[in-house]
Amino acid sequence: MSQNSSHPTAPRTTHGDGAPRHTHTHTHRSGEAAAGHHPAGPGRQADTGAPAGPGWQADQSDQAEFLDLEAEVLAEHISAITAWLPVEAPPRHIVDLGCGTGAGTFALLDRFPEARVTAVDSSAEHLRRLREKACALGTDDRVRAVPADLDAPAWPDLGAPELVWASASLHHMAEPDRTLRQVRELLPPGGLFTLVEPAGSPRVLPGDAPEDRPGLEERCHAALAQHHAARMPHRGADWGPKLTAAGFTVEGERTVAVHVDSARNPAVGRYALSGLRRLRSAAAHALPAADLAALDRLLDTAGPDSVVHRDDLAVRTERTVWAARRA
């Protein structure tokens, strides 16, 4: 992938018969599939590297801020994914499962100007921010925010959507196979389900940073790998067979390699600061003193070594998208 571009890397795309339609060079998934992310709870929480559990409780406002920054950094890539969707006719009703603060919701509203979106999440703070954005954008009449526990056996009435979107939420589900069956029942025959899943935690620092402790970011994520492998066994799963087993026909799959550098998007610096703060909160117990000290220097916005002063930051990650139709 380009080292100086914020544009989506050309994807590998396959369709229902498994045969590639377009094949381009792309970065393969790393072996960190289950590392670096925390369980979402019943709606969606931010994939930020901070685990939920005893002694740690995600602050919803901080989490929402991180999701807003992520939406700003990845806006171009999310837009490219919505443009790729194999819709047979523009949907009039869309459900966004685990909507967070609305990255997918607003991208879908842009892509389908006649559609309305039912945005579902367990976090009241996320939904509050989503409503505020909808009002600011003049789309509040097209957005319905629904608080819901997506791990519950029964969901609230979500209407009759032609398209269901779930981004970075399915791997958080306690029983994702059941969730997929619930999505199938929500859709009419021929309805489209779009599943977007990250390959692992985003990276923001160069591999040789910081200069006195090169490889610090990788060690932080490695410190969390075992924890997250146990808590999220479906992280990095191949969702194609699961979709088929749930009664879908997979019509397309693509992997988007993301590389957004700070020179092209000023939000990268703020995103890096927020993400590294949360990573420190999660990994502090497992890091040596020298690593913690180096991380604290990066996070000290008043200091000369702060991450906000670096000009070599870049958000690097991968997302895989499955487009599946109810058989």
Protein backbone atom coordinates (compact mmCIF):
# COMPACT_ATOMS: atom_id res chain seq x y z
CA MET A 1 0.00 0.00 0.00
CA SER A 2 1.09 3.54 -0.55
CA GLN A 3 3.08 5.06 2.25
CA ASN A 4 1.96 8.59 1.50
CA SER A 5 -1.65 8.32 0.58
CA SER A 6 -4.91 8.58 2.40
CA HIS A 7 -6.77 6.95 -0.47
CA PRO A 8 -8.18 3.44 -0.16
CA THR A 9 -5.79 0.78 -1.38
CA ALA A 10 -7.15 -1.26 -4.28
CA PRO A 11 -9.10 -4.17 -2.82
CA ARG A 12 -9.24 -7.83 -3.57
CA THR A 13 -12.83 -8.59 -4.47
CA THR A 14 -14.48 -11.97 -4.67
CA HIS A 15 -18.08 -12.86 -5.34
CA GLY A 16 -20.53 -15.56 -4.43
CA ASP A 17 -18.86 -18.25 -6.52
CA GLY A 18 -15.55 -17.57 -4.78
CA ALA A 19 -13.85 -16.48 -7.99
CA PRO A 20 -11.95 -13.20 -7.96
CA ARG A 21 -13.35 -10.51 -10.22
CA HIS A 22 -10.57 -7.99 -9.60
CA THR A 23 -7.26 -8.88 -8.02
CA HIS A 24 -4.74 -6.29 -6.87
CA THR A 25 -1.80 -6.31 -4.55
CA HIS A 26 -2.94 -5.78 -1.00
CA THR A 27 -1.58 -6.17 2.49
CA HIS A 28 -2.50 -9.46 4.13
CA ARG A 29 -3.94 -9.63 7.61
CA SER A 30 -1.50 -9.70 10.45
CA GLY A 31 -1.45 -12.41 13.06
CA GLU A 32 -2.91 -10.11 15.70
CA ALA A 33 -6.50 -10.94 14.90
CA ALA A 34 -7.67 -11.12 18.48
CA ALA A 35 -5.34 -8.55 19.98
CA GLY A 36 -5.81 -4.99 21.01
CA HIS A 37 -9.56 -4.54 21.25
CA HIS A 38 -12.03 -4.62 24.09
CA PRO A 39 -15.49 -6.11 24.26
CA ALA A 40 -18.20 -3.77 23.23
CA GLY A 41 -20.99 -4.72 25.49
CA PRO A 42 -24.37 -5.15 23.86
CA GLY A 43 -24.22 -2.37 21.31
CA ARG A 44 -20.85 -1.17 20.18
CA GLN A 45 -17.86 0.24 21.97
CA ALA A 46 -14.77 1.73 20.41
CA ASP A 47 -12.05 -0.63 19.20
CA THR A 48 -9.34 1.27 20.99
CA GLY A 49 -7.19 -1.27 22.75
CA ALA A 50 -8.63 -0.83 26.21
CA PRO A 51 -10.17 -3.89 27.86
CA ALA A 52 -13.27 -3.78 29.97
CA GLY A 53 -13.05 -5.61 33.24
CA PRO A 54 -12.27 -5.23 36.95
CA GLY A 55 -10.47 -1.98 37.70
CA TRP A 56 -11.29 -0.43 34.31
CA GLN A 57 -14.46 1.18 33.06
CA ALA A 58 -14.62 2.95 29.72
CA ASP A 59 -15.63 6.55 30.01
CA GLN A 60 -18.41 6.92 27.49
CA SER A 61 -17.60 10.51 26.59
CA ASP A 62 -13.92 9.70 25.97
CA GLN A 63 -14.93 6.67 23.96
CA ALA A 64 -17.36 8.69 21.88
CA GLU A 65 -14.65 11.27 21.20
CA PHE A 66 -12.36 8.50 19.94
CA LEU A 67 -15.10 7.20 17.63
CA ASP A 68 -15.66 10.70 16.27
CA LEU A 69 -11.95 11.04 15.51
CA GLU A 70 -11.89 7.61 13.89
CA ALA A 71 -14.82 8.58 11.68
CA GLU A 72 -12.94 11.71 10.59
CA VAL A 73 -9.74 9.80 9.84
CA LEU A 74 -11.44 6.94 7.97
CA ALA A 75 -14.16 8.94 6.22
CA GLU A 76 -12.71 8.42 2.75
CA HIS A 77 -12.42 4.67 3.23
CA ILE A 78 -15.92 4.30 4.67
CA SER A 79 -17.26 6.23 1.70
CA ALA A 80 -15.39 3.90 -0.68
CA ILE A 81 -16.99 0.89 1.02
CA THR A 82 -20.52 2.29 0.72
CA ALA A 83 -19.88 3.09 -2.97
CA TRP A 84 -18.89 -0.55 -3.56
CA LEU A 85 -22.06 -2.09 -2.11
CA PRO A 86 -23.82 -4.35 -4.66
CA VAL A 87 -27.29 -2.86 -4.21
CA GLU A 88 -29.97 -3.93 -6.66
CA ALA A 89 -32.04 -0.81 -5.95
CA PRO A 90 -31.36 2.11 -3.61
CA PRO A 91 -32.59 1.09 -0.14
CA ARG A 92 -35.24 3.22 1.50
CA HIS A 93 -34.66 1.88 5.01
CA ILE A 94 -31.27 0.90 6.50
CA VAL A 95 -30.41 -0.48 9.94
CA ASP A 96 -26.96 0.30 11.39
CA LEU A 97 -26.21 -2.28 14.09
CA GLY A 98 -23.72 -1.09 16.71
CA CYS A 99 -23.69 2.39 15.16
CA GLY A 100 -21.34 4.09 17.61
CA THR A 101 -21.44 7.84 17.04
CA GLY A 102 -22.59 7.44 13.45
CA ALA A 103 -19.64 6.94 11.09
CA GLY A 104 -21.56 4.36 9.06
CA THR A 105 -24.94 6.01 9.54
CA PHE A 106 -23.92 9.29 7.93
CA ALA A 107 -21.88 7.65 5.18
CA LEU A 108 -24.95 5.62 4.25
CA LEU A 109 -27.19 8.69 4.31
CA ASP A 110 -24.77 10.38 1.90
CA ARG A 111 -24.64 7.32 -0.35
CA PHE A 112 -28.42 6.85 -0.41
CA PRO A 113 -30.05 10.31 -0.24
CA GLU A 114 -33.60 8.93 -0.20
CA ALA A 115 -32.95 6.49 2.65
CA ARG A 116 -33.59 6.73 6.35
CA VAL A 117 -31.45 4.93 8.92
CA THR A 118 -32.34 3.21 12.16
CA ALA A 119 -29.17 3.51 14.26
CA VAL A 120 -28.81 0.96 17.06
CA ASP A 121 -26.36 1.02 19.98
CA SER A 122 -26.26 0.26 23.69
CA SER A 123 -24.49 3.49 24.63
CA ALA A 124 -26.69 6.47 25.51
CA GLU A 125 -23.72 8.79 24.99
CA HIS A 126 -23.05 7.44 21.51
CA LEU A 127 -26.66 7.86 20.51
CA ARG A 128 -26.79 11.37 22.01
CA ARG A 129 -23.83 12.43 19.87
CA LEU A 130 -25.35 10.78 16.82
CA ARG A 131 -28.58 12.74 17.29
CA GLU A 132 -26.64 15.99 17.70
CA LYS A 133 -24.76 15.34 14.46
CA ALA A 134 -27.99 14.53 12.63
CA CYS A 135 -29.50 17.84 13.78
CA ALA A 136 -26.37 19.76 12.78
CA LEU A 137 -26.40 18.16 9.34
CA GLY A 138 -30.12 18.64 8.84
CA THR A 139 -30.74 14.90 8.59
CA ASP A 140 -32.54 14.38 11.91
CA ASP A 141 -35.75 13.53 10.06
CA ARG A 142 -33.91 10.64 8.40
CA VAL A 143 -32.34 9.11 11.52
CA ARG A 144 -34.03 7.08 14.24
CA ALA A 145 -31.77 6.26 17.21
CA VAL A 146 -32.64 3.07 19.09
CA PRO A 147 -30.97 1.95 22.34
CA ALA A 148 -30.72 -1.83 22.36
CA ASP A 149 -28.79 -4.80 23.72
CA LEU A 150 -27.80 -6.68 20.58
CA ASP A 151 -26.88 -9.73 22.64
CA ALA A 152 -30.47 -10.01 23.83
CA PRO A 153 -32.52 -12.93 22.44
CA ALA A 154 -35.16 -10.47 21.23
CA TRP A 155 -34.47 -7.12 19.61
CA PRO A 156 -36.79 -4.09 19.61
CA ASP A 157 -38.83 -3.35 16.52
CA LEU A 158 -36.31 -2.15 13.95
CA GLY A 159 -38.72 -1.93 11.05
CA ALA A 160 -38.28 -3.61 7.67
CA PRO A 161 -34.89 -2.59 6.20
CA GLU A 162 -33.62 -3.51 2.75
CA LEU A 163 -30.03 -3.08 3.98
CA VAL A 164 -28.41 -3.91 7.32
CA TRP A 165 -24.92 -2.55 8.09
CA ALA A 166 -22.70 -3.80 10.94
CA SER A 167 -19.21 -2.31 11.25
CA ALA A 168 -16.75 -3.51 13.91
CA SER A 169 -19.57 -4.88 16.04
CA LEU A 170 -20.14 -8.56 15.20
CA HIS A 171 -16.92 -9.82 16.78
CA HIS A 172 -18.08 -8.30 20.07
CA MET A 173 -21.26 -10.37 20.17
CA ALA A 174 -21.48 -13.19 22.73
CA GLU A 175 -23.17 -15.44 20.14
CA PRO A 176 -22.47 -13.99 16.70
CA ASP A 177 -24.01 -16.97 14.88
CA ARG A 178 -27.32 -16.17 16.60
CA THR A 179 -26.87 -12.50 15.72
CA LEU A 180 -26.43 -13.40 12.05
CA ARG A 181 -29.65 -15.42 12.13
CA GLN A 182 -31.43 -12.44 13.72
CA VAL A 183 -30.15 -10.20 10.93
CA ARG A 184 -31.42 -12.67 8.35
CA GLU A 185 -34.87 -12.64 9.90
CA LEU A 186 -34.83 -8.83 9.90
CA LEU A 187 -34.24 -8.65 6.15
CA PRO A 188 -36.73 -9.49 3.41
CA PRO A 189 -35.75 -12.09 0.78
CA GLY A 190 -33.06 -10.48 -1.35
CA GLY A 191 -32.16 -7.97 1.37
CA LEU A 192 -28.49 -7.05 1.70
CA PHE A 193 -26.30 -7.39 4.78
CA THR A 194 -22.95 -5.58 4.88
CA LEU A 195 -20.45 -6.78 7.49
CA VAL A 196 -17.28 -4.73 8.07
CA GLU A 197 -14.61 -6.12 10.39
CA PRO A 198 -11.12 -4.82 11.30
CA ALA A 199 -8.16 -7.16 10.99
CA GLY A 200 -6.61 -5.79 14.18
CA SER A 201 -5.87 -2.66 16.15
CA PRO A 202 -4.81 0.42 14.15
CA ARG A 203 -1.15 1.42 14.42
CA VAL A 204 -0.08 5.06 14.45
CA LEU A 205 3.65 5.18 15.24
CA PRO A 206 6.55 4.21 12.97
CA GLY A 207 8.11 0.90 13.93
CA ASP A 208 11.30 2.59 15.12
CA ALA A 209 9.47 5.03 17.42
CA PRO A 210 10.05 6.39 19.94
CA GLU A 211 13.75 6.74 19.40
CA ASP A 212 14.71 5.56 22.90
CA ARG A 213 12.23 2.62 22.92
CA PRO A 214 11.65 1.48 19.30
CA GLY A 215 8.77 -0.93 18.81
CA LEU A 216 6.87 0.42 21.83
CA GLU A 217 3.44 0.35 20.18
CA GLU A 218 3.82 -3.30 19.11
CA ARG A 219 4.84 -4.30 22.65
CA CYS A 220 1.76 -2.57 24.04
CA HIS A 221 -0.51 -4.52 21.74
CA ALA A 222 1.34 -7.77 22.39
CA ALA A 223 0.82 -7.25 26.12
CA LEU A 224 -2.94 -7.37 25.52
CA ALA A 225 -3.03 -10.22 23.02
CA GLN A 226 -3.78 -13.06 25.44
CA HIS A 227 -6.46 -11.08 27.24
CA HIS A 228 -8.32 -10.27 24.05
CA ALA A 229 -7.89 -13.68 22.48
CA ALA A 230 -9.83 -15.11 25.41
CA ARG A 231 -12.49 -12.40 25.50
CA MET A 232 -13.13 -12.09 21.75
CA PRO A 233 -12.54 -15.44 20.06
CA HIS A 234 -14.35 -14.29 16.91
CA ARG A 235 -12.00 -11.40 16.29
CA GLY A 236 -10.45 -11.85 12.84
CA ALA A 237 -12.81 -14.68 11.90
CA ASP A 238 -13.58 -15.64 8.32
CA TRP A 239 -17.20 -14.53 8.28
CA GLY A 240 -17.98 -15.95 4.84
CA PRO A 241 -18.78 -19.51 6.05
CA LYS A 242 -20.69 -18.12 9.03
CA LEU A 243 -22.82 -16.00 6.74
CA THR A 244 -23.55 -18.98 4.51
CA ALA A 245 -24.49 -21.13 7.50
CA ALA A 246 -26.90 -18.41 8.67
CA GLY A 247 -28.76 -18.44 5.35
CA PHE A 248 -26.98 -15.76 3.33
CA THR A 249 -25.38 -15.86 -0.10
CA VAL A 250 -22.06 -14.00 -0.06
CA GLU A 251 -21.96 -11.82 -3.16
CA GLY A 252 -18.73 -9.97 -2.55
CA GLU A 253 -15.74 -9.63 -0.28
CA ARG A 254 -13.05 -6.98 -0.25
CA THR A 255 -10.12 -6.07 1.96
CA VAL A 256 -9.28 -2.39 2.27
CA ALA A 257 -5.78 -1.50 3.44
CA VAL A 258 -5.82 1.88 5.18
CA HIS A 259 -2.86 4.26 5.36
CA VAL A 260 -3.73 7.82 6.35
CA ASP A 261 -0.79 10.04 7.24
CA SER A 262 -0.86 13.17 9.38
CA ALA A 263 0.34 15.38 6.54
CA ARG A 264 -2.90 14.76 4.66
CA ASN A 265 -5.31 14.61 7.60
CA PRO A 266 -4.70 16.74 10.71
CA ALA A 267 -7.10 14.58 12.72
CA VAL A 268 -4.48 11.81 12.73
CA GLY A 269 -2.51 13.51 15.51
CA ARG A 270 -5.54 13.84 17.77
CA TYR A 271 -6.58 10.27 16.95
CA ALA A 272 -3.08 9.02 17.84
CA LEU A 273 -3.10 10.87 21.15
CA SER A 274 -6.52 9.52 22.10
CA GLY A 275 -5.69 5.98 21.05
CA LEU A 276 -2.34 5.87 22.82
CA ARG A 277 -3.92 7.20 26.01
CA ARG A 278 -6.41 4.37 25.98
CA LEU A 279 -3.71 1.87 25.09
CA ARG A 280 -1.66 3.00 28.08
CA SER A 281 -4.68 2.58 30.35
CA ALA A 282 -5.07 -0.98 29.17
CA ALA A 283 -1.46 -2.16 28.96
CA ALA A 284 0.17 -0.38 31.91
CA HIS A 285 0.04 -3.45 34.16
CA ALA A 286 2.06 -5.52 31.68
CA LEU A 287 4.70 -3.02 30.52
CA PRO A 288 8.19 -2.50 31.95
CA ALA A 289 8.94 0.83 33.61
CA ALA A 290 11.06 2.03 30.68
CA ASP A 291 8.18 1.49 28.24
CA LEU A 292 5.71 3.26 30.50
CA ALA A 293 8.06 6.22 30.84
CA ALA A 294 8.47 6.43 27.07
CA LEU A 295 4.72 6.20 26.57
CA ASP A 296 4.15 8.95 29.12
CA ARG A 297 6.56 11.21 27.27
CA LEU A 298 4.60 10.64 24.07
CA LEU A 299 1.36 11.50 25.88
CA ASP A 300 2.67 14.64 27.62
CA THR A 301 1.27 17.31 25.32
CA ALA A 302 3.38 19.98 27.04
CA GLY A 303 6.63 18.08 26.51
CA PRO A 304 8.99 18.14 23.53
CA ASP A 305 8.56 14.41 22.82
CA SER A 306 4.78 14.49 22.66
CA VAL A 307 3.06 12.57 19.91
CA VAL A 308 1.28 15.80 18.92
CA HIS A 309 4.60 17.22 17.73
CA ARG A 310 5.48 14.27 15.50
CA ASP A 311 5.16 14.61 11.73
CA ASP A 312 5.61 10.89 10.99
CA LEU A 313 2.29 9.58 12.28
CA ALA A 314 0.03 7.47 10.08
CA VAL A 315 -3.07 5.39 10.78
CA ARG A 316 -2.42 1.91 9.41
CA THR A 317 -5.03 -0.81 9.54
CA GLU A 318 -7.13 -3.18 7.41
CA ARG A 319 -10.86 -3.73 7.14
CA THR A 320 -12.57 -6.58 5.39
CA VAL A 321 -16.08 -6.21 4.01
CA TRP A 322 -18.59 -8.94 3.20
CA ALA A 323 -21.73 -8.21 1.18
CA ALA A 324 -24.27 -10.96 1.69
CA ARG A 325 -27.83 -11.33 0.47
CA ARG A 326 -30.62 -13.19 2.22
CA ALA A 327 -31.16 -16.30 0.16
